[in-house]
Protein backbone atom coordinates (compact mmCIF):
# COMPACT_ATOMS: atom_id res chain seq x y z
CA MET A 1 95.68 -44.27 -38.95
CA ARG A 2 93.42 -41.91 -40.87
CA LYS A 3 89.79 -42.93 -40.88
CA SER A 4 88.30 -40.19 -43.04
CA PHE A 5 89.21 -37.07 -44.94
CA ASP A 6 87.52 -33.94 -43.66
CA ARG A 7 87.00 -31.43 -46.44
CA GLY A 8 85.35 -28.94 -44.14
CA LEU A 9 81.65 -29.75 -44.37
CA THR A 10 80.96 -33.47 -44.25
CA PRO A 11 83.07 -36.58 -43.73
CA ALA A 12 84.37 -38.11 -46.94
CA LYS A 13 82.71 -41.25 -48.24
CA CYS A 14 83.93 -44.03 -50.47
CA LEU A 15 82.77 -43.45 -54.05
CA THR A 16 81.93 -47.15 -54.45
CA CYS A 17 80.15 -48.19 -51.25
CA LYS A 18 79.21 -44.67 -50.02
CA SER A 19 80.44 -45.47 -46.51
CA ALA A 20 82.53 -43.15 -44.37
CA GLU A 21 83.52 -46.03 -42.07
CA GLY A 22 87.02 -47.45 -42.00
CA GLU A 23 90.25 -46.18 -43.56
CA LEU A 24 89.77 -44.24 -46.78
CA ARG A 25 92.40 -43.30 -49.38
CA ALA A 26 92.28 -40.10 -51.41
CA CYS A 27 93.67 -40.02 -54.94
CA SER A 28 96.98 -38.15 -55.13
CA PHE A 29 96.16 -36.91 -58.64
CA CYS A 30 92.50 -35.86 -58.94
CA LYS A 31 91.83 -35.30 -55.20
CA SER A 32 88.19 -36.35 -55.67
CA GLY A 33 88.65 -40.11 -55.84
CA ILE A 34 88.19 -41.44 -52.31
CA TYR A 35 87.96 -45.19 -51.80
CA HIS A 36 88.49 -48.00 -49.35
CA ASP A 37 91.62 -49.78 -50.53
CA ASN A 38 90.12 -53.24 -50.67
CA ALA A 39 88.87 -55.71 -53.25
CA ASN A 40 85.20 -54.88 -52.59
CA CYS A 41 85.54 -51.19 -53.45
CA LEU A 42 88.35 -51.24 -56.04
CA GLY A 43 87.87 -54.66 -57.59
CA GLU A 44 91.37 -55.42 -56.27
CA GLN A 45 93.59 -54.30 -53.43
CA ARG A 46 96.31 -52.12 -54.93
CA ALA A 47 98.13 -50.42 -52.09
CA SER A 48 101.67 -51.49 -51.46
CA GLU A 49 103.01 -51.61 -47.92
CA ALA A 50 105.09 -48.49 -48.61
CA SER A 51 102.02 -46.48 -49.62
CA LEU A 52 100.34 -47.37 -46.35
CA THR A 53 103.41 -46.56 -44.26
CA TYR A 54 104.43 -43.25 -45.82
CA LYS A 55 101.76 -40.57 -46.30
CA SER A 56 103.75 -38.92 -49.11
CA PHE A 57 103.64 -42.06 -51.30
CA PRO A 58 101.29 -41.32 -54.25
CA TRP A 59 98.16 -43.41 -54.71
CA CYS A 60 95.70 -43.14 -57.61
CA CYS A 61 92.01 -43.93 -57.87
CA PRO A 62 90.73 -46.38 -60.53
CA LYS A 63 89.85 -43.55 -62.94
CA CYS A 64 93.32 -41.95 -62.74
CA PHE A 65 94.94 -45.38 -62.95
CA GLN A 66 93.14 -46.01 -66.26
CA ARG A 67 94.09 -42.55 -67.57
CA GLY A 68 97.73 -43.22 -66.71
CA LYS A 69 97.61 -46.64 -68.33
CA VAL A 70 96.23 -45.19 -71.58
CA ALA A 71 98.81 -42.39 -71.59
CA LEU A 72 101.64 -44.87 -71.03
CA GLU A 73 100.37 -47.12 -73.83
CA LYS A 74 100.36 -44.14 -76.21
CA ILE A 75 103.96 -43.34 -75.29
CA LEU A 76 105.07 -46.96 -75.64
CA LEU A 77 103.34 -47.41 -79.00
CA GLY A 78 104.90 -44.23 -80.33
CA PRO A 79 103.62 -42.05 -83.19
CA SER A 80 104.21 -44.66 -85.93
CA GLN A 81 101.76 -47.12 -84.37
CA THR A 82 99.05 -44.53 -83.67
CA ASN A 83 99.20 -43.10 -87.22
CA LYS A 84 98.67 -46.53 -88.79
CA ARG A 85 95.40 -47.01 -86.90
CA GLY A 86 93.98 -43.74 -88.20
CA ARG A 87 94.42 -44.62 -91.90
């Protein structure tokens, strides 16, 4: 069980609660989003059992999750829907 991410100088802290205590998760995409994976720090608990078991399973912070959601919506809407909004 990893309790903190050591980036060389100081122990990592959760971006929400600013605590270094407990198990922290680092974003697989931006590498700067470090959070406790619980409802208090994320607003919801999002880790699946597989992501906790296997270290190679990707996990994203709330900011990257929103970016991915927006990108997926753009793809799903397609160019015809996005052009109509701009007119």
